[in-house]
Amino acid sequence: MRIAAVLIFGLMVSACTDMKSLLPAHVVSKVVNFSILSSASVMATDKTIPDHITSYSTGKDCSTVRTEQGRTYCREDEPNPMPVAYCYRTLADVSCYAEPDPARQPGEVIGNL
């Protein structure tokens, strides 16, 4: 949402300047239209237009908003958390479970992953 706020603020500030004296009118209208489309895209999908292009070309789910939140740019680049497993000795083997076995004593656990 911060990106959307920055883009909207940028549009409001740009309205205060005389952009026509800086750039030709057709360039100004294209920049403003791109900013409006990009702002709408961020508000609707949490991705900018370049993020959509990057996601399409790489086949990954990439977003600048994710980067702003302190995460990786692409969702697939995040490391998967290791599953927690509680392992116990059984007859001639080791059995692992997602939750601790209530029938076992805490000292019987031979490994936590």
PDB file of N, CA and C in Angstrom:
ATOM      1  N   MET A   1       0.814  -1.186   0.000  1.00  0.00           N
ATOM      2  CA  MET A   1       0.000   0.000   0.000  1.00  0.00           C
ATOM      3  C   MET A   1       0.865   1.260   0.000  1.00  0.00           C
ATOM      4  N   ARG A   2       2.082   1.159   0.545  1.00  0.00           N
ATOM      5  CA  ARG A   2       2.937   2.335   0.561  1.00  0.00           C
ATOM      6  C   ARG A   2       3.293   2.781  -0.844  1.00  0.00           C
ATOM      7  N   ILE A   3       3.477   1.809  -1.743  1.00  0.00           N
ATOM      8  CA  ILE A   3       3.818   2.159  -3.117  1.00  0.00           C
ATOM      9  C   ILE A   3       2.669   2.933  -3.753  1.00  0.00           C
ATOM     10  N   ALA A   4       1.453   2.473  -3.513  1.00  0.00           N
ATOM     11  CA  ALA A   4       0.288   3.154  -4.069  1.00  0.00           C
ATOM     12  C   ALA A   4       0.197   4.582  -3.523  1.00  0.00           C
ATOM     13  N   ALA A   5       0.464   4.736  -2.238  1.00  0.00           N
ATOM     14  CA  ALA A   5       0.405   6.066  -1.641  1.00  0.00           C
ATOM     15  C   ALA A   5       1.475   6.975  -2.247  1.00  0.00           C
ATOM     16  N   VAL A   6       2.673   6.418  -2.456  1.00  0.00           N
ATOM     17  CA  VAL A   6       3.747   7.213  -3.051  1.00  0.00           C
ATOM     18  C   VAL A   6       3.391   7.615  -4.474  1.00  0.00           C
ATOM     19  N   LEU A   7       2.829   6.681  -5.244  1.00  0.00           N
ATOM     20  CA  LEU A   7       2.460   6.998  -6.617  1.00  0.00           C
ATOM     21  C   LEU A   7       1.354   8.057  -6.675  1.00  0.00           C
ATOM     22  N   ILE A   8       0.371   7.924  -5.826  1.00  0.00           N
ATOM     23  CA  ILE A   8      -0.714   8.909  -5.798  1.00  0.00           C
ATOM     24  C   ILE A   8      -0.173  10.267  -5.360  1.00  0.00           C
ATOM     25  N   PHE A   9       0.716  10.271  -4.350  1.00  0.00           N
ATOM     26  CA  PHE A   9       1.329  11.523  -3.921  1.00  0.00           C
ATOM     27  C   PHE A   9       2.145  12.139  -5.057  1.00  0.00           C
ATOM     28  N   GLY A  10       2.843  11.299  -5.799  1.00  0.00           N
ATOM     29  CA  GLY A  10       3.620  11.786  -6.943  1.00  0.00           C
ATOM     30  C   GLY A  10       2.730  12.420  -7.989  1.00  0.00           C
ATOM     31  N   LEU A  11       1.568  11.837  -8.224  1.00  0.00           N
ATOM     32  CA  LEU A  11       0.628  12.423  -9.181  1.00  0.00           C
ATOM     33  C   LEU A  11       0.121  13.775  -8.694  1.00  0.00           C
ATOM     34  N   MET A  12      -0.152  13.860  -7.392  1.00  0.00           N
ATOM     35  CA  MET A  12      -0.658  15.116  -6.852  1.00  0.00           C
ATOM     36  C   MET A  12       0.413  16.202  -6.913  1.00  0.00           C
ATOM     37  N   VAL A  13       1.661  15.852  -6.614  1.00  0.00           N
ATOM     38  CA  VAL A  13       2.738  16.831  -6.660  1.00  0.00           C
ATOM     39  C   VAL A  13       3.019  17.249  -8.097  1.00  0.00           C
ATOM     40  N   SER A  14       2.948  16.286  -9.025  1.00  0.00           N
ATOM     41  CA  SER A  14       3.215  16.625 -10.419  1.00  0.00           C
ATOM     42  C   SER A  14       2.158  17.583 -10.972  1.00  0.00           C
ATOM     43  N   ALA A  15       0.976  17.588 -10.379  1.00  0.00           N
ATOM     44  CA  ALA A  15      -0.059  18.511 -10.824  1.00  0.00           C
ATOM     45  C   ALA A  15       0.278  19.943 -10.427  1.00  0.00           C
ATOM     46  N   CYS A  16       1.140  20.090  -9.421  1.00  0.00           N
ATOM     47  CA  CYS A  16       1.512  21.432  -8.970  1.00  0.00           C
ATOM     48  C   CYS A  16       2.578  22.073  -9.855  1.00  0.00           C
ATOM     49  N   THR A  17       3.306  21.277 -10.598  1.00  0.00           N
ATOM     50  CA  THR A  17       4.364  21.835 -11.441  1.00  0.00           C
ATOM     51  C   THR A  17       3.845  22.030 -12.852  1.00  0.00           C
ATOM     52  N   ASP A  18       4.543  22.832 -13.589  1.00  0.00           N
ATOM     53  CA  ASP A  18       4.197  23.057 -14.983  1.00  0.00           C
ATOM     54  C   ASP A  18       4.983  22.069 -15.832  1.00  0.00           C
ATOM     55  N   MET A  19       4.473  20.838 -15.948  1.00  0.00           N
ATOM     56  CA  MET A  19       5.182  19.791 -16.677  1.00  0.00           C
ATOM     57  C   MET A  19       5.209  20.066 -18.171  1.00  0.00           C
ATOM     58  N   LYS A  20       4.278  20.878 -18.640  1.00  0.00           N
ATOM     59  CA  LYS A  20       4.243  21.163 -20.074  1.00  0.00           C
ATOM     60  C   LYS A  20       5.486  21.906 -20.520  1.00  0.00           C
ATOM     61  N   SER A  21       6.026  22.708 -19.623  1.00  0.00           N
ATOM     62  CA  SER A  21       7.244  23.427 -19.996  1.00  0.00           C
ATOM     63  C   SER A  21       8.466  22.512 -19.964  1.00  0.00           C
ATOM     64  N   LEU A  22       8.375  21.416 -19.213  1.00  0.00           N
ATOM     65  CA  LEU A  22       9.498  20.497 -19.104  1.00  0.00           C
ATOM     66  C   LEU A  22       9.494  19.434 -20.204  1.00  0.00           C
ATOM     67  N   LEU A  23       8.317  18.916 -20.524  1.00  0.00           N
ATOM     68  CA  LEU A  23       8.188  17.821 -21.479  1.00  0.00           C
ATOM     69  C   LEU A  23       7.082  18.123 -22.475  1.00  0.00           C
ATOM     70  N   PRO A  24       7.144  17.518 -23.650  1.00  0.00           N
ATOM     71  CA  PRO A  24       6.040  17.676 -24.598  1.00  0.00           C
ATOM     72  C   PRO A  24       4.747  17.099 -24.028  1.00  0.00           C
ATOM     73  N   ALA A  25       3.631  17.590 -24.502  1.00  0.00           N
ATOM     74  CA  ALA A  25       2.328  17.197 -23.959  1.00  0.00           C
ATOM     75  C   ALA A  25       2.060  15.709 -24.131  1.00  0.00           C
ATOM     76  N   HIS A  26       2.440  15.115 -25.268  1.00  0.00           N
ATOM     77  CA  HIS A  26       2.151  13.694 -25.470  1.00  0.00           C
ATOM     78  C   HIS A  26       2.967  12.810 -24.523  1.00  0.00           C
ATOM     79  N   VAL A  27       4.173  13.256 -24.128  1.00  0.00           N
ATOM     80  CA  VAL A  27       4.979  12.503 -23.173  1.00  0.00           C
ATOM     81  C   VAL A  27       4.375  12.619 -21.780  1.00  0.00           C
ATOM     82  N   VAL A  28       3.937  13.812 -21.421  1.00  0.00           N
ATOM     83  CA  VAL A  28       3.326  14.030 -20.107  1.00  0.00           C
ATOM     84  C   VAL A  28       2.087  13.170 -19.954  1.00  0.00           C
ATOM     85  N   SER A  29       1.237  13.119 -20.976  1.00  0.00           N
ATOM     86  CA  SER A  29       0.010  12.328 -20.873  1.00  0.00           C
ATOM     87  C   SER A  29       0.323  10.846 -20.748  1.00  0.00           C
ATOM     88  N   LYS A  30       1.371  10.361 -21.443  1.00  0.00           N
ATOM     89  CA  LYS A  30       1.735   8.947 -21.342  1.00  0.00           C
ATOM     90  C   LYS A  30       2.294   8.613 -19.966  1.00  0.00           C
ATOM     91  N   VAL A  31       3.096   9.508 -19.399  1.00  0.00           N
ATOM     92  CA  VAL A  31       3.655   9.285 -18.067  1.00  0.00           C
ATOM     93  C   VAL A  31       2.538   9.264 -17.036  1.00  0.00           C
ATOM     94  N   VAL A  32       1.613  10.200 -17.127  1.00  0.00           N
ATOM     95  CA  VAL A  32       0.498  10.258 -16.180  1.00  0.00           C
ATOM     96  C   VAL A  32      -0.384   9.018 -16.331  1.00  0.00           C
ATOM     97  N   ASN A  33      -0.679   8.616 -17.572  1.00  0.00           N
ATOM     98  CA  ASN A  33      -1.489   7.419 -17.782  1.00  0.00           C
ATOM     99  C   ASN A  33      -0.806   6.176 -17.225  1.00  0.00           C
ATOM    100  N   PHE A  34       0.519   6.036 -17.437  1.00  0.00           N
ATOM    101  CA  PHE A  34       1.257   4.898 -16.909  1.00  0.00           C
ATOM    102  C   PHE A  34       1.231   4.899 -15.387  1.00  0.00           C
ATOM    103  N   SER A  35       1.368   6.082 -14.778  1.00  0.00           N
ATOM    104  CA  SER A  35       1.335   6.179 -13.321  1.00  0.00           C
ATOM    105  C   SER A  35      -0.024   5.777 -12.770  1.00  0.00           C
ATOM    106  N   ILE A  36      -1.066   6.199 -13.425  1.00  0.00           N
ATOM    107  CA  ILE A  36      -2.421   5.851 -12.986  1.00  0.00           C
ATOM    108  C   ILE A  36      -2.647   4.346 -13.129  1.00  0.00           C
ATOM    109  N   LEU A  37      -2.241   3.777 -14.260  1.00  0.00           N
ATOM    110  CA  LEU A  37      -2.395   2.333 -14.466  1.00  0.00           C
ATOM    111  C   LEU A  37      -1.561   1.533 -13.465  1.00  0.00           C
ATOM    112  N   SER A  38      -0.350   1.986 -13.213  1.00  0.00           N
ATOM    113  CA  SER A  38       0.515   1.286 -12.265  1.00  0.00           C
ATOM    114  C   SER A  38      -0.056   1.373 -10.848  1.00  0.00           C
ATOM    115  N   SER A  39      -0.588   2.536 -10.484  1.00  0.00           N
ATOM    116  CA  SER A  39      -1.209   2.686  -9.163  1.00  0.00           C
ATOM    117  C   SER A  39      -2.415   1.772  -9.020  1.00  0.00           C
ATOM    118  N   ALA A  40      -3.236   1.713 -10.042  1.00  0.00           N
ATOM    119  CA  ALA A  40      -4.406   0.832 -10.000  1.00  0.00           C
ATOM    120  C   ALA A  40      -3.971  -0.629  -9.931  1.00  0.00           C
ATOM    121  N   SER A  41      -2.916  -0.970 -10.641  1.00  0.00           N
ATOM    122  CA  SER A  41      -2.417  -2.339 -10.619  1.00  0.00           C
ATOM    123  C   SER A  41      -1.915  -2.726  -9.235  1.00  0.00           C
ATOM    124  N   VAL A  42      -1.189  -1.822  -8.576  1.00  0.00           N
ATOM    125  CA  VAL A  42      -0.683  -2.108  -7.231  1.00  0.00           C
ATOM    126  C   VAL A  42      -1.832  -2.265  -6.248  1.00  0.00           C
ATOM    127  N   MET A  43      -2.840  -1.403  -6.358  1.00  0.00           N
ATOM    128  CA  MET A  43      -3.970  -1.496  -5.435  1.00  0.00           C
ATOM    129  C   MET A  43      -4.780  -2.767  -5.648  1.00  0.00           C
ATOM    130  N   ALA A  44      -4.889  -3.222  -6.896  1.00  0.00           N
ATOM    131  CA  ALA A  44      -5.712  -4.400  -7.183  1.00  0.00           C
ATOM    132  C   ALA A  44      -4.961  -5.716  -6.992  1.00  0.00           C
ATOM    133  N   THR A  45      -3.660  -5.751  -7.347  1.00  0.00           N
ATOM    134  CA  THR A  45      -2.952  -7.036  -7.371  1.00  0.00           C
ATOM    135  C   THR A  45      -1.677  -7.061  -6.541  1.00  0.00           C
ATOM    136  N   ASP A  46      -1.317  -5.974  -5.886  1.00  0.00           N
ATOM    137  CA  ASP A  46      -0.052  -5.856  -5.152  1.00  0.00           C
ATOM    138  C   ASP A  46       1.158  -6.034  -6.064  1.00  0.00           C
ATOM    139  N   LYS A  47       1.009  -5.739  -7.347  1.00  0.00           N
ATOM    140  CA  LYS A  47       2.113  -5.810  -8.307  1.00  0.00           C
ATOM    141  C   LYS A  47       2.080  -4.588  -9.204  1.00  0.00           C
ATOM    142  N   THR A  48       3.254  -4.070  -9.522  1.00  0.00           N
ATOM    143  CA  THR A  48       3.338  -3.001 -10.504  1.00  0.00           C
ATOM    144  C   THR A  48       3.310  -3.620 -11.895  1.00  0.00           C
ATOM    145  N   ILE A  49       3.212  -2.791 -12.912  1.00  0.00           N
ATOM    146  CA  ILE A  49       3.200  -3.316 -14.282  1.00  0.00           C
ATOM    147  C   ILE A  49       4.514  -4.030 -14.604  1.00  0.00           C
ATOM    148  N   PRO A  50       5.682  -3.460 -14.244  1.00  0.00           N
ATOM    149  CA  PRO A  50       6.918  -4.229 -14.464  1.00  0.00           C
ATOM    150  C   PRO A  50       6.954  -5.551 -13.689  1.00  0.00           C
ATOM    151  N   ASP A  51       6.317  -5.597 -12.500  1.00  0.00           N
ATOM    152  CA  ASP A  51       6.240  -6.860 -11.753  1.00  0.00           C
ATOM    153  C   ASP A  51       5.455  -7.904 -12.533  1.00  0.00           C
ATOM    154  N   HIS A  52       4.363  -7.482 -13.161  1.00  0.00           N
ATOM    155  CA  HIS A  52       3.575  -8.412 -13.984  1.00  0.00           C
ATOM    156  C   HIS A  52       4.414  -8.942 -15.141  1.00  0.00           C
ATOM    157  N   ILE A  53       5.182  -8.058 -15.771  1.00  0.00           N
ATOM    158  CA  ILE A  53       6.023  -8.474 -16.899  1.00  0.00           C
ATOM    159  C   ILE A  53       7.097  -9.451 -16.419  1.00  0.00           C
ATOM    160  N   THR A  54       7.728  -9.149 -15.284  1.00  0.00           N
ATOM    161  CA  THR A  54       8.745 -10.039 -14.729  1.00  0.00           C
ATOM    162  C   THR A  54       8.149 -11.382 -14.341  1.00  0.00           C
ATOM    163  N   SER A  55       6.978 -11.371 -13.713  1.00  0.00           N
ATOM    164  CA  SER A  55       6.323 -12.616 -13.321  1.00  0.00           C
ATOM    165  C   SER A  55       5.993 -13.465 -14.535  1.00  0.00           C
ATOM    166  N   TYR A  56       5.511 -12.826 -15.585  1.00  0.00           N
ATOM    167  CA  TYR A  56       5.156 -13.557 -16.802  1.00  0.00           C
ATOM    168  C   TYR A  56       6.399 -14.147 -17.465  1.00  0.00           C
ATOM    169  N   SER A  57       7.485 -13.380 -17.513  1.00  0.00           N
ATOM    170  CA  SER A  57       8.677 -13.856 -18.224  1.00  0.00           C
ATOM    171  C   SER A  57       9.446 -14.916 -17.440  1.00  0.00           C
ATOM    172  N   THR A  58       9.413 -14.862 -16.103  1.00  0.00           N
ATOM    173  CA  THR A  58      10.150 -15.840 -15.302  1.00  0.00           C
ATOM    174  C   THR A  58       9.297 -17.020 -14.862  1.00  0.00           C
ATOM    175  N   GLY A  59       7.985 -16.873 -14.902  1.00  0.00           N
ATOM    176  CA  GLY A  59       7.104 -17.934 -14.426  1.00  0.00           C
ATOM    177  C   GLY A  59       7.002 -17.966 -12.909  1.00  0.00           C
ATOM    178  N   LYS A  60       7.483 -16.924 -12.246  1.00  0.00           N
ATOM    179  CA  LYS A  60       7.430 -16.833 -10.790  1.00  0.00           C
ATOM    180  C   LYS A  60       6.448 -15.743 -10.380  1.00  0.00           C
ATOM    181  N   ASP A  61       6.084 -15.730  -9.111  1.00  0.00           N
ATOM    182  CA  ASP A  61       5.192 -14.713  -8.576  1.00  0.00           C
ATOM    183  C   ASP A  61       6.060 -13.630  -7.937  1.00  0.00           C
ATOM    184  N   CYS A  62       6.359 -12.562  -8.683  1.00  0.00           N
ATOM    185  CA  CYS A  62       7.265 -11.508  -8.224  1.00  0.00           C
ATOM    186  C   CYS A  62       6.496 -10.219  -7.947  1.00  0.00           C
ATOM    187  N   SER A  63       6.917  -9.504  -6.896  1.00  0.00           N
ATOM    188  CA  SER A  63       6.213  -8.278  -6.536  1.00  0.00           C
ATOM    189  C   SER A  63       7.133  -7.340  -5.759  1.00  0.00           C
ATOM    190  N   THR A  64       7.091  -6.075  -6.111  1.00  0.00           N
ATOM    191  CA  THR A  64       7.842  -5.057  -5.391  1.00  0.00           C
ATOM    192  C   THR A  64       7.270  -4.866  -3.995  1.00  0.00           C
ATOM    193  N   VAL A  65       5.976  -5.065  -3.852  1.00  0.00           N
ATOM    194  CA  VAL A  65       5.329  -4.930  -2.547  1.00  0.00           C
ATOM    195  C   VAL A  65       5.914  -5.953  -1.573  1.00  0.00           C
ATOM    196  N   ARG A  66       6.206  -7.169  -2.041  1.00  0.00           N
ATOM    197  CA  ARG A  66       6.828  -8.193  -1.194  1.00  0.00           C
ATOM    198  C   ARG A  66       8.189  -7.698  -0.704  1.00  0.00           C
ATOM    199  N   THR A  67       8.944  -7.030  -1.576  1.00  0.00           N
ATOM    200  CA  THR A  67      10.248  -6.506  -1.201  1.00  0.00           C
ATOM    201  C   THR A  67      10.097  -5.429  -0.132  1.00  0.00           C
ATOM    202  N   GLU A  68       9.066  -4.591  -0.265  1.00  0.00           N
ATOM    203  CA  GLU A  68       8.806  -3.549   0.731  1.00  0.00           C
ATOM    204  C   GLU A  68       8.473  -4.141   2.095  1.00  0.00           C
ATOM    205  N   GLN A  69       7.923  -5.355   2.107  1.00  0.00           N
ATOM    206  CA  GLN A  69       7.563  -6.020   3.355  1.00  0.00           C
ATOM    207  C   GLN A  69       8.738  -6.800   3.946  1.00  0.00           C
ATOM    208  N   GLY A  70       9.922  -6.699   3.317  1.00  0.00           N
ATOM    209  CA  GLY A  70      11.099  -7.371   3.834  1.00  0.00           C
ATOM    210  C   GLY A  70      11.226  -8.817   3.397  1.00  0.00           C
ATOM    211  N   ARG A  71      10.475  -9.208   2.385  1.00  0.00           N
ATOM    212  CA  ARG A  71      10.538 -10.579   1.877  1.00  0.00           C
ATOM    213  C   ARG A  71      11.289 -10.571   0.553  1.00  0.00           C
ATOM    214  N   THR A  72      11.431 -11.748  -0.056  1.00  0.00           N
ATOM    215  CA  THR A  72      12.134 -11.835  -1.331  1.00  0.00           C
ATOM    216  C   THR A  72      11.256 -11.273  -2.441  1.00  0.00           C
ATOM    217  N   TYR A  73      11.893 -10.872  -3.546  1.00  0.00           N
ATOM    218  CA  TYR A  73      11.152 -10.284  -4.660  1.00  0.00           C
ATOM    219  C   TYR A  73      10.191 -11.302  -5.273  1.00  0.00           C
ATOM    220  N   CYS A  74      10.637 -12.529  -5.444  1.00  0.00           N
ATOM    221  CA  CYS A  74       9.781 -13.588  -6.001  1.00  0.00           C
ATOM    222  C   CYS A  74       9.423 -14.594  -4.912  1.00  0.00           C
ATOM    223  N   ARG A  75       8.176 -15.009  -4.873  1.00  0.00           N
ATOM    224  CA  ARG A  75       7.694 -15.927  -3.851  1.00  0.00           C
ATOM    225  C   ARG A  75       8.451 -17.257  -3.886  1.00  0.00           C
ATOM    226  N   GLU A  76       8.796 -17.737  -5.071  1.00  0.00           N
ATOM    227  CA  GLU A  76       9.464 -19.027  -5.195  1.00  0.00           C
ATOM    228  C   GLU A  76      10.909 -18.999  -4.704  1.00  0.00           C
ATOM    229  N   ASP A  77      11.473 -17.817  -4.518  1.00  0.00           N
ATOM    230  CA  ASP A  77      12.852 -17.699  -4.051  1.00  0.00           C
ATOM    231  C   ASP A  77      12.978 -17.788  -2.538  1.00  0.00           C
ATOM    232  N   GLU A  78      11.853 -17.790  -1.825  1.00  0.00           N
ATOM    233  CA  GLU A  78      11.906 -17.899  -0.373  1.00  0.00           C
ATOM    234  C   GLU A  78      12.226 -19.332   0.023  1.00  0.00           C
ATOM    235  N   PRO A  79      13.074 -19.517   1.012  1.00  0.00           N
ATOM    236  CA  PRO A  79      13.367 -20.887   1.449  1.00  0.00           C
ATOM    237  C   PRO A  79      12.150 -21.496   2.129  1.00  0.00           C
ATOM    238  N   ASN A  80      11.931 -22.756   1.879  1.00  0.00           N
ATOM    239  CA  ASN A  80      10.827 -23.462   2.523  1.00  0.00           C
ATOM    240  C   ASN A  80      11.238 -23.796   3.947  1.00  0.00           C
ATOM    241  N   PRO A  81      10.340 -23.600   4.902  1.00  0.00           N
ATOM    242  CA  PRO A  81      10.690 -23.932   6.285  1.00  0.00           C
ATOM    243  C   PRO A  81      10.824 -25.451   6.450  1.00  0.00           C
ATOM    244  N   MET A  82      11.764 -25.833   7.269  1.00  0.00           N
ATOM    245  CA  MET A  82      11.955 -27.256   7.540  1.00  0.00           C
ATOM    246  C   MET A  82      10.777 -27.761   8.373  1.00  0.00           C
ATOM    247  N   PRO A  83      10.231 -28.910   8.016  1.00  0.00           N
ATOM    248  CA  PRO A  83       9.134 -29.440   8.817  1.00  0.00           C
ATOM    249  C   PRO A  83       9.653 -29.900  10.181  1.00  0.00           C
ATOM    250  N   VAL A  84       8.844 -29.702  11.189  1.00  0.00           N
ATOM    251  CA  VAL A  84       9.204 -30.138  12.526  1.00  0.00           C
ATOM    252  C   VAL A  84       8.860 -31.621  12.636  1.00  0.00           C
ATOM    253  N   ALA A  85       9.803 -32.403  13.124  1.00  0.00           N
ATOM    254  CA  ALA A  85       9.570 -33.836  13.283  1.00  0.00           C
ATOM    255  C   ALA A  85      10.096 -34.278  14.642  1.00  0.00           C
ATOM    256  N   TYR A  86       9.361 -35.158  15.272  1.00  0.00           N
ATOM    257  CA  TYR A  86       9.755 -35.752  16.544  1.00  0.00           C
ATOM    258  C   TYR A  86      10.025 -37.219  16.264  1.00  0.00           C
ATOM    259  N   CYS A  87      11.267 -37.650  16.495  1.00  0.00           N
ATOM    260  CA  CYS A  87      11.669 -39.007  16.142  1.00  0.00           C
ATOM    261  C   CYS A  87      11.892 -39.843  17.400  1.00  0.00           C
ATOM    262  N   TYR A  88      11.411 -41.091  17.339  1.00  0.00           N
ATOM    263  CA  TYR A  88      11.518 -42.030  18.455  1.00  0.00           C
ATOM    264  C   TYR A  88      12.061 -43.358  17.936  1.00  0.00           C
ATOM    265  N   ARG A  89      12.766 -44.081  18.828  1.00  0.00           N
ATOM    266  CA  ARG A  89      13.227 -45.420  18.482  1.00  0.00           C
ATOM    267  C   ARG A  89      12.039 -46.373  18.557  1.00  0.00           C
ATOM    268  N   THR A  90      11.937 -47.202  17.556  1.00  0.00           N
ATOM    269  CA  THR A  90      10.949 -48.286  17.574  1.00  0.00           C
ATOM    270  C   THR A  90      11.705 -49.583  17.351  1.00  0.00           C
ATOM    271  N   LEU A  91      11.012 -50.675  17.261  1.00  0.00           N
ATOM    272  CA  LEU A  91      11.653 -51.963  17.106  1.00  0.00           C
ATOM    273  C   LEU A  91      12.437 -51.995  15.794  1.00  0.00           C
ATOM    274  N   ALA A  92      13.759 -51.938  15.872  1.00  0.00           N
ATOM    275  CA  ALA A  92      14.681 -52.011  14.733  1.00  0.00           C
ATOM    276  C   ALA A  92      14.535 -50.859  13.742  1.00  0.00           C
ATOM    277  N   ASP A  93      13.980 -49.731  14.172  1.00  0.00           N
ATOM    278  CA  ASP A  93      13.801 -48.614  13.247  1.00  0.00           C
ATOM    279  C   ASP A  93      13.629 -47.320  14.041  1.00  0.00           C
ATOM    280  N   VAL A  94      13.517 -46.220  13.341  1.00  0.00           N
ATOM    281  CA  VAL A  94      13.208 -44.922  13.928  1.00  0.00           C
ATOM    282  C   VAL A  94      11.955 -44.409  13.243  1.00  0.00           C
ATOM    283  N   SER A  95      10.983 -43.953  14.041  1.00  0.00           N
ATOM    284  CA  SER A  95       9.741 -43.393  13.496  1.00  0.00           C
ATOM    285  C   SER A  95       9.684 -41.915  13.847  1.00  0.00           C
ATOM    286  N   CYS A  96       9.276 -41.107  12.869  1.00  0.00           N
ATOM    287  CA  CYS A  96       9.181 -39.663  13.070  1.00  0.00           C
ATOM    288  C   CYS A  96       7.742 -39.205  12.866  1.00  0.00           C
ATOM    289  N   TYR A  97       7.325 -38.230  13.676  1.00  0.00           N
ATOM    290  CA  TYR A  97       5.963 -37.721  13.643  1.00  0.00           C
ATOM    291  C   TYR A  97       5.995 -36.193  13.606  1.00  0.00           C
ATOM    292  N   ALA A  98       4.912 -35.600  13.131  1.00  0.00           N
ATOM    293  CA  ALA A  98       4.810 -34.140  13.073  1.00  0.00           C
ATOM    294  C   ALA A  98       4.557 -33.543  14.451  1.00  0.00           C
ATOM    295  N   GLU A  99       3.946 -34.313  15.344  1.00  0.00           N
ATOM    296  CA  GLU A  99       3.656 -33.848  16.694  1.00  0.00           C
ATOM    297  C   GLU A  99       4.278 -34.813  17.693  1.00  0.00           C
ATOM    298  N   PRO A 100       4.577 -34.357  18.902  1.00  0.00           N
ATOM    299  CA  PRO A 100       5.146 -35.271  19.887  1.00  0.00           C
ATOM    300  C   PRO A 100       4.142 -36.374  20.243  1.00  0.00           C
ATOM    301  N   ASP A 101       4.657 -37.549  20.450  1.00  0.00           N
ATOM    302  CA  ASP A 101       3.814 -38.701  20.808  1.00  0.00           C
ATOM    303  C   ASP A 101       3.472 -38.590  22.288  1.00  0.00           C
ATOM    304  N   PRO A 102       2.177 -38.438  22.626  1.00  0.00           N
ATOM    305  CA  PRO A 102       1.819 -38.260  24.037  1.00  0.00           C
ATOM    306  C   PRO A 102       2.078 -39.508  24.881  1.00  0.00           C
ATOM    307  N   ALA A 103       2.181 -40.687  24.248  1.00  0.00           N
ATOM    308  CA  ALA A 103       2.427 -41.914  24.997  1.00  0.00           C
ATOM    309  C   ALA A 103       3.900 -42.060  25.380  1.00  0.00           C
ATOM    310  N   ARG A 104       4.770 -41.234  24.812  1.00  0.00           N
ATOM    311  CA  ARG A 104       6.206 -41.329  25.082  1.00  0.00           C
ATOM    312  C   ARG A 104       6.627 -40.270  26.090  1.00  0.00           C
ATOM    313  N   GLN A 105       7.709 -40.553  26.763  1.00  0.00           N
ATOM    314  CA  GLN A 105       8.295 -39.603  27.696  1.00  0.00           C
ATOM    315  C   GLN A 105       9.123 -38.584  26.900  1.00  0.00           C
ATOM    316  N   PRO A 106       9.238 -37.350  27.365  1.00  0.00           N
ATOM    317  CA  PRO A 106      10.028 -36.352  26.636  1.00  0.00           C
ATOM    318  C   PRO A 106      11.491 -36.757  26.430  1.00  0.00           C
ATOM    319  N   GLY A 107      12.028 -37.567  27.336  1.00  0.00           N
ATOM    320  CA  GLY A 107      13.413 -37.995  27.221  1.00  0.00           C
ATOM    321  C   GLY A 107      13.630 -39.055  26.137  1.00  0.00           C
ATOM    322  N   GLU A 108      12.562 -39.627  25.602  1.00  0.00           N
ATOM    323  CA  GLU A 108      12.683 -40.668  24.584  1.00  0.00           C
ATOM    324  C   GLU A 108      12.875 -40.108  23.180  1.00  0.00           C
ATOM    325  N   VAL A 109      12.693 -38.821  23.024  1.00  0.00           N
ATOM    326  CA  VAL A 109      12.878 -38.205  21.705  1.00  0.00           C
ATOM    327  C   VAL A 109      14.349 -38.301  21.345  1.00  0.00           C
ATOM    328  N   ILE A 110      14.660 -38.860  20.164  1.00  0.00           N
ATOM    329  CA  ILE A 110      16.059 -38.971  19.747  1.00  0.00           C
ATOM    330  C   ILE A 110      16.450 -37.874  18.781  1.00  0.00           C
ATOM    331  N   GLY A 111      15.494 -37.097  18.316  1.00  0.00           N
ATOM    332  CA  GLY A 111      15.833 -36.009  17.404  1.00  0.00           C
ATOM    333  C   GLY A 111      14.645 -35.118  17.106  1.00  0.00           C
ATOM    334  N   ASN A 112      14.915 -33.852  17.018  1.00  0.00           N
ATOM    335  CA  ASN A 112      13.929 -32.863  16.565  1.00  0.00           C
ATOM    336  C   ASN A 112      14.487 -32.237  15.307  1.00  0.00           C
ATOM    337  N   LEU A 113      13.729 -32.245  14.256  1.00  0.00           N
ATOM    338  CA  LEU A 113      14.161 -31.599  13.013  1.00  0.00           C
ATOM    339  C   LEU A 113      13.423 -30.310  12.855  1.00  0.00           C
TER     340      LEU A 113
END
